[in-house]
């Protein structure tokens, strides 16, 4: 019975790990089926739709659709507010690895089931003396932790992305200001920023330019960029640019003021982090460094004391 249970757990855990690996893989912007059509057309070969589908990897035909199907099932039982919040958080994270609410919910379920199966397997082979009530309680705790683990990953991704945008904004504002003062249009200045760097901010500027080329108003594209980033400095910058456009104020002066303010804020933030450094160093200093220094300094003195006449005084030997 135990062997059968272990076999089932291993199969479930292997399937869960496979779905996780496939679910978080880098997704291609092109349709794989369309890509296969173009490849056959370039070689001048004729093939049926069934042959082209069968030529795709098994992950595209079976595993990835299963992950999507699990996500669609989870969406049916998920409140609409939670779906909107998930969609918003994925957008703030920059859609990492092609995630969407369906795939993200399926990923949470797969991770929870995988961690629960792993704990069941470990407890079955290593903690036979425990009661099943305690085992179920521990497994339930780890299942809940596994369910919220992708959410923690998404939160970390959002924070890293916002920090990167905040760090790169002063340099981008300087380049925008120089380009506009030199006579280049604001769209052309954003194109220069996109071509100069390869970071989250330049990617967002490139998306704004593409949206403008597709017919969206510039102020709407800038507002959407501000909502996707949710960085206070970017919100202030977009509001200032839109107001200068509506009121006819010189854009170069607005950009110069924004650039100076962002540099001041970045310097203040650096000073704040520098002042926090000594306090953060206290914990590793007290736990790791100070005991090691005490051992290195006091051990020779202790050994000399043990070999001297003071040994009988302190130890009575």
Protein backbone atom coordinates (compact mmCIF):
# COMPACT_ATOMS: atom_id res chain seq x y z
CA UNK A 1 0.00 0.00 0.00
CA UNK A 2 2.81 2.39 0.88
CA UNK A 3 4.61 1.57 -2.38
CA UNK A 4 1.49 2.34 -4.41
CA UNK A 5 1.00 5.63 -2.54
CA UNK A 6 4.62 6.63 -3.13
CA UNK A 7 4.27 5.80 -6.84
CA UNK A 8 1.13 7.93 -7.17
CA UNK A 9 2.76 10.83 -5.33
CA UNK A 10 5.86 10.67 -7.56
CA UNK A 11 3.71 10.68 -10.71
CA UNK A 12 1.62 13.64 -9.51
CA UNK A 13 4.70 15.54 -8.39
CA UNK A 14 6.48 14.92 -11.68
CA UNK A 15 3.45 16.15 -13.61
CA UNK A 16 3.19 19.23 -11.43
CA UNK A 17 6.86 20.10 -11.90
CA UNK A 18 6.52 19.64 -15.66
CA UNK A 19 3.51 21.94 -15.79
CA UNK A 20 5.31 24.56 -13.70
CA UNK A 21 8.37 24.50 -15.96
CA UNK A 22 6.28 24.77 -19.09
CA UNK A 23 3.92 27.33 -17.58
CA UNK A 24 6.62 29.82 -16.63
CA UNK A 25 8.69 29.41 -19.79
CA UNK A 26 9.39 32.32 -22.07
CA UNK A 27 6.40 32.70 -24.33
CA UNK A 28 6.89 33.68 -27.93
CA UNK A 29 5.07 36.65 -29.35
CA UNK A 30 4.41 34.76 -32.60
CA UNK A 31 1.76 32.10 -32.99
CA UNK A 32 3.64 28.76 -33.20
CA UNK A 33 1.11 27.37 -35.67
CA UNK A 34 1.49 30.41 -37.92
CA UNK A 35 5.26 30.09 -37.64
CA UNK A 36 5.04 26.49 -38.85
CA UNK A 37 2.88 27.60 -41.80
CA UNK A 38 5.50 30.19 -42.77
CA UNK A 39 8.29 27.62 -42.54
CA UNK A 40 6.47 25.20 -44.82
CA UNK A 41 5.62 28.00 -47.23
CA UNK A 42 9.26 29.16 -47.36
CA UNK A 43 10.40 25.62 -48.24
CA UNK A 44 7.69 25.28 -50.84
CA UNK A 45 6.18 22.23 -49.16
CA UNK A 46 2.50 21.51 -48.80
CA UNK A 47 1.14 20.02 -45.60
CA UNK A 48 -2.22 19.62 -43.96
CA UNK A 49 -3.20 21.40 -40.77
CA UNK A 50 -3.06 18.10 -38.87
CA UNK A 51 0.53 17.45 -40.00
CA UNK A 52 1.61 20.93 -38.95
CA UNK A 53 -0.02 20.55 -35.54
CA UNK A 54 1.63 17.14 -35.01
CA UNK A 55 5.02 18.66 -35.89
CA UNK A 56 4.83 20.93 -32.84
CA UNK A 57 6.52 19.90 -29.57
CA UNK A 58 4.48 17.90 -27.11
CA UNK A 59 4.58 20.80 -24.66
CA UNK A 60 2.69 23.00 -27.16
CA UNK A 61 0.12 20.31 -27.94
CA UNK A 62 -0.56 18.77 -24.52
CA UNK A 63 1.16 20.19 -21.45
CA UNK A 64 0.67 23.91 -22.05
CA UNK A 65 -3.05 23.53 -22.95
CA UNK A 66 -3.57 21.47 -19.77
CA UNK A 67 -2.10 24.32 -17.70
CA UNK A 68 -4.41 26.77 -19.46
CA UNK A 69 -7.38 24.50 -18.85
CA UNK A 70 -6.65 24.30 -15.13
CA UNK A 71 -6.49 28.08 -15.03
CA UNK A 72 -9.85 28.44 -16.77
CA UNK A 73 -11.40 26.07 -14.23
CA UNK A 74 -9.94 28.12 -11.38
CA UNK A 75 -11.26 31.35 -12.92
CA UNK A 76 -14.84 30.03 -12.73
CA UNK A 77 -14.59 29.89 -8.94
CA UNK A 78 -12.59 33.10 -8.51
CA UNK A 79 -14.35 36.41 -7.72
CA UNK A 80 -14.21 39.09 -10.37
CA UNK A 81 -12.42 41.51 -8.05
CA UNK A 82 -9.66 38.97 -7.49
CA UNK A 83 -9.29 38.46 -11.24
CA UNK A 84 -9.04 42.20 -11.85
CA UNK A 85 -6.49 42.53 -9.05
CA UNK A 86 -4.45 39.66 -10.51
CA UNK A 87 -4.57 41.18 -13.98
CA UNK A 88 -3.48 44.53 -12.56
CA UNK A 89 -0.57 43.00 -10.63
CA UNK A 90 0.62 41.07 -13.69
CA UNK A 91 0.52 44.31 -15.67
CA UNK A 92 2.54 46.10 -12.98
CA UNK A 93 5.10 43.29 -13.12
CA UNK A 94 5.47 43.78 -16.88
CA UNK A 95 3.78 40.50 -17.87
CA UNK A 96 6.78 38.34 -16.84
CA UNK A 97 7.25 35.28 -19.02
CA UNK A 98 3.98 35.87 -20.80
CA UNK A 99 1.81 35.38 -17.72
CA UNK A 100 -1.91 36.07 -17.78
CA UNK A 101 -4.56 35.55 -15.06
CA UNK A 102 -5.45 32.09 -16.40
CA UNK A 103 -1.88 30.84 -16.40
CA UNK A 104 -1.08 32.52 -13.08
CA UNK A 105 -4.00 30.86 -11.29
CA UNK A 106 -3.11 27.47 -12.76
CA UNK A 107 0.47 28.04 -11.65
CA UNK A 108 -0.65 28.68 -8.08
CA UNK A 109 -2.70 25.48 -8.07
CA UNK A 110 0.16 23.44 -9.56
CA UNK A 111 2.72 24.76 -7.08
CA UNK A 112 0.36 24.10 -4.16
CA UNK A 113 -0.35 20.55 -5.32
CA UNK A 114 3.33 19.93 -6.05
CA UNK A 115 4.51 21.08 -2.62
CA UNK A 116 1.69 19.17 -0.92
CA UNK A 117 2.60 16.01 -2.83
CA UNK A 118 6.26 16.43 -1.93
CA UNK A 119 5.45 16.81 1.77
CA UNK A 120 3.15 13.76 1.64
CA UNK A 121 5.93 11.76 0.03
CA UNK A 122 8.51 12.85 2.62
CA UNK A 123 6.19 12.15 5.54
CA UNK A 124 5.22 8.76 4.17
CA UNK A 125 8.80 7.53 3.92
CA UNK A 126 10.37 9.39 6.86
CA UNK A 127 7.83 10.20 9.58
CA UNK A 128 5.90 6.99 10.06
CA UNK A 129 5.62 7.58 13.83
CA UNK A 130 3.53 10.75 13.35
CA UNK A 131 -0.23 10.54 13.50
CA UNK A 132 -2.13 11.19 10.31
CA UNK A 133 -3.91 14.15 11.89
CA UNK A 134 -0.59 15.93 12.45
CA UNK A 135 0.61 14.96 8.98
CA UNK A 136 -2.52 16.37 7.33
CA UNK A 137 -2.16 19.60 9.30
CA UNK A 138 1.48 20.07 8.23
CA UNK A 139 0.64 19.20 4.60
CA UNK A 140 -2.24 21.72 4.63
CA UNK A 141 0.10 24.45 5.90
CA UNK A 142 2.61 23.75 3.12
CA UNK A 143 -0.18 23.63 0.51
CA UNK A 144 -1.31 27.11 1.58
CA UNK A 145 2.28 28.35 1.45
CA UNK A 146 2.69 26.87 -2.03
CA UNK A 147 -0.52 28.54 -3.18
CA UNK A 148 0.79 31.96 -2.13
CA UNK A 149 4.37 31.40 -3.32
CA UNK A 150 3.74 32.62 -6.93
CA UNK A 151 2.03 35.68 -5.47
CA UNK A 152 5.19 36.48 -3.50
CA UNK A 153 7.22 36.06 -6.69
CA UNK A 154 4.91 38.49 -8.49
CA UNK A 155 5.19 41.05 -5.67
CA UNK A 156 8.98 40.82 -5.80
CA UNK A 157 8.92 41.27 -9.57
CA UNK A 158 6.74 44.40 -9.24
CA UNK A 159 9.06 45.93 -6.64
CA UNK A 160 12.19 45.22 -8.72
CA UNK A 161 10.59 46.69 -11.82
CA UNK A 162 9.48 49.86 -10.05
CA UNK A 163 12.90 50.25 -8.46
CA UNK A 164 14.60 49.90 -11.84
CA UNK A 165 12.28 52.50 -13.39
CA UNK A 166 12.84 54.88 -10.47
CA UNK A 167 16.61 54.49 -10.81
CA UNK A 168 16.72 55.07 -14.58
CA UNK A 169 14.31 58.00 -14.76
CA UNK A 170 16.78 60.88 -14.03
CA UNK A 171 19.12 59.82 -16.86
CA UNK A 172 16.16 59.38 -19.20
CA UNK A 173 14.83 62.82 -18.26
CA UNK A 174 18.24 64.36 -18.98
CA UNK A 175 18.31 62.79 -22.43
CA UNK A 176 14.72 63.88 -23.12
CA UNK A 177 15.57 67.44 -22.06
CA UNK A 178 18.71 67.61 -24.22
CA UNK A 179 16.89 66.24 -27.27
CA UNK A 180 13.92 68.61 -26.90
CA UNK A 181 16.16 71.64 -26.30
CA UNK A 182 18.13 70.69 -29.41
CA UNK A 183 14.94 70.97 -31.48
CA UNK A 184 13.80 67.35 -31.59
CA UNK A 185 10.13 66.57 -31.04
CA UNK A 186 8.95 64.79 -27.92
CA UNK A 187 8.18 61.59 -29.83
CA UNK A 188 11.64 61.66 -31.36
CA UNK A 189 13.16 62.23 -27.92
CA UNK A 190 11.33 59.17 -26.59
CA UNK A 191 12.68 57.19 -29.54
CA UNK A 192 16.20 58.27 -28.56
CA UNK A 193 15.61 57.02 -25.01
CA UNK A 194 14.32 53.72 -26.35
CA UNK A 195 17.39 53.25 -28.51
CA UNK A 196 19.88 54.41 -25.86
CA UNK A 197 19.08 51.92 -23.08
CA UNK A 198 17.64 48.47 -22.71
CA UNK A 199 15.61 48.58 -19.48
CA UNK A 200 12.01 48.66 -18.32
CA UNK A 201 11.67 52.40 -18.90
CA UNK A 202 12.95 52.29 -22.47
CA UNK A 203 10.60 49.38 -23.20
CA UNK A 204 7.65 51.42 -21.93
CA UNK A 205 8.67 54.42 -24.05
CA UNK A 206 8.84 52.15 -27.07
CA UNK A 207 5.35 50.85 -26.32
CA UNK A 208 4.06 54.43 -26.06
CA UNK A 209 5.53 55.22 -29.48
CA UNK A 210 3.95 52.15 -31.06
CA UNK A 211 0.57 53.01 -29.53
CA UNK A 212 0.83 56.55 -30.92
CA UNK A 213 1.66 55.15 -34.37
CA UNK A 214 -1.45 52.98 -34.15
CA UNK A 215 -3.63 56.06 -33.60
CA UNK A 216 -3.84 56.53 -29.84
CA UNK A 217 -3.54 60.06 -28.51
CA UNK A 218 -0.20 60.83 -26.92
CA UNK A 219 -1.69 61.91 -23.62
CA UNK A 220 -3.70 58.69 -23.39
CA UNK A 221 -0.63 56.59 -24.21
CA UNK A 222 1.37 58.43 -21.55
CA UNK A 223 -1.39 57.94 -18.96
CA UNK A 224 -1.52 54.23 -19.74
CA UNK A 225 2.26 54.03 -19.30
CA UNK A 226 1.94 55.78 -15.93
CA UNK A 227 -0.75 53.29 -14.85
CA UNK A 228 1.35 50.32 -15.96
CA UNK A 229 4.36 51.48 -13.94
CA UNK A 230 2.61 52.98 -10.88
CA UNK A 231 5.70 55.01 -9.95
CA UNK A 232 4.99 58.41 -8.30
CA UNK A 233 7.77 60.16 -10.23
CA UNK A 234 6.44 58.85 -13.53
CA UNK A 235 2.91 59.95 -12.63
CA UNK A 236 4.19 63.46 -11.86
CA UNK A 237 6.19 63.55 -15.08
CA UNK A 238 3.24 62.46 -17.24
CA UNK A 239 0.94 64.99 -15.58
CA UNK A 240 3.47 67.78 -16.19
CA UNK A 241 3.90 66.84 -19.87
CA UNK A 242 0.14 66.68 -20.46
CA UNK A 243 -0.42 70.03 -18.75
CA UNK A 244 2.34 71.69 -20.77
CA UNK A 245 0.76 70.30 -23.94
CA UNK A 246 -2.70 71.57 -22.99
CA UNK A 247 -1.61 74.98 -21.67
CA UNK A 248 1.04 75.69 -24.28
CA UNK A 249 3.94 75.89 -21.81
CA UNK A 250 7.45 75.29 -23.11
CA UNK A 251 8.07 71.56 -22.95
CA UNK A 252 11.84 71.98 -22.61
CA UNK A 253 11.42 74.03 -19.42
CA UNK A 254 9.03 71.47 -17.95
CA UNK A 255 11.44 68.66 -18.73
CA UNK A 256 14.34 70.61 -17.23
CA UNK A 257 12.41 71.16 -13.99
CA UNK A 258 11.36 67.50 -13.86
CA UNK A 259 14.92 66.36 -14.47
CA UNK A 260 16.32 68.55 -11.68
CA UNK A 261 13.65 67.39 -9.23
CA UNK A 262 14.27 63.71 -9.99
CA UNK A 263 18.00 64.10 -9.51
CA UNK A 264 17.41 65.76 -6.15
CA UNK A 265 15.07 62.92 -5.12
CA UNK A 266 17.56 60.27 -6.22
CA UNK A 267 20.33 61.97 -4.22
CA UNK A 268 18.09 62.17 -1.17
CA UNK A 269 17.17 58.50 -1.53
CA UNK A 270 20.86 57.57 -1.76
CA UNK A 271 21.58 59.57 1.40
CA UNK A 272 18.69 57.85 3.16
CA UNK A 273 20.00 54.42 2.22
CA UNK A 274 23.50 55.43 3.36
CA UNK A 275 22.14 56.45 6.77
CA UNK A 276 20.33 53.11 7.09
CA UNK A 277 23.47 51.11 6.32
CA UNK A 278 25.05 51.25 9.84
CA UNK A 279 21.81 50.05 11.44
CA UNK A 280 21.48 47.19 8.95
CA UNK A 281 25.08 46.18 9.63
CA UNK A 282 24.44 45.72 13.36
CA UNK A 283 22.69 42.35 12.97
CA UNK A 284 25.44 40.54 10.99
CA UNK A 285 28.07 42.33 13.08
CA UNK A 286 26.57 41.16 16.37
CA UNK A 287 25.66 37.63 15.22
CA UNK A 288 28.53 36.69 12.90
CA UNK A 289 31.52 39.02 13.06
CA UNK A 290 31.73 39.92 16.76
CA UNK A 291 31.62 36.29 18.07
CA UNK A 292 34.30 35.28 15.57
CA UNK A 293 36.54 38.16 16.69
CA UNK A 294 36.01 37.21 20.34
CA UNK A 295 36.99 33.60 19.62
CA UNK A 296 40.12 34.63 17.73
CA UNK A 297 41.24 37.11 20.39
CA UNK A 298 40.23 35.28 23.57
CA UNK A 299 41.26 31.70 22.71
CA UNK A 300 45.06 32.28 22.94
CA UNK A 301 44.63 34.13 26.24
CA UNK A 302 42.45 31.32 27.60
CA UNK A 303 45.01 28.68 26.58
CA UNK A 304 47.82 30.63 28.21
CA UNK A 305 45.73 30.95 31.37
CA UNK A 306 45.15 27.21 31.46
CA UNK A 307 48.89 26.54 31.27
CA UNK A 308 49.85 29.08 33.93
CA UNK A 309 49.73 28.99 37.74
CA UNK A 310 46.40 30.75 37.68
CA UNK A 311 44.83 27.45 36.66
CA UNK A 312 44.71 26.28 40.27
CA UNK A 313 43.34 29.61 41.39
CA UNK A 314 40.38 29.60 38.99
CA UNK A 315 39.74 25.90 38.51
CA UNK A 316 41.13 24.41 41.73
CA UNK A 317 43.30 21.89 39.83
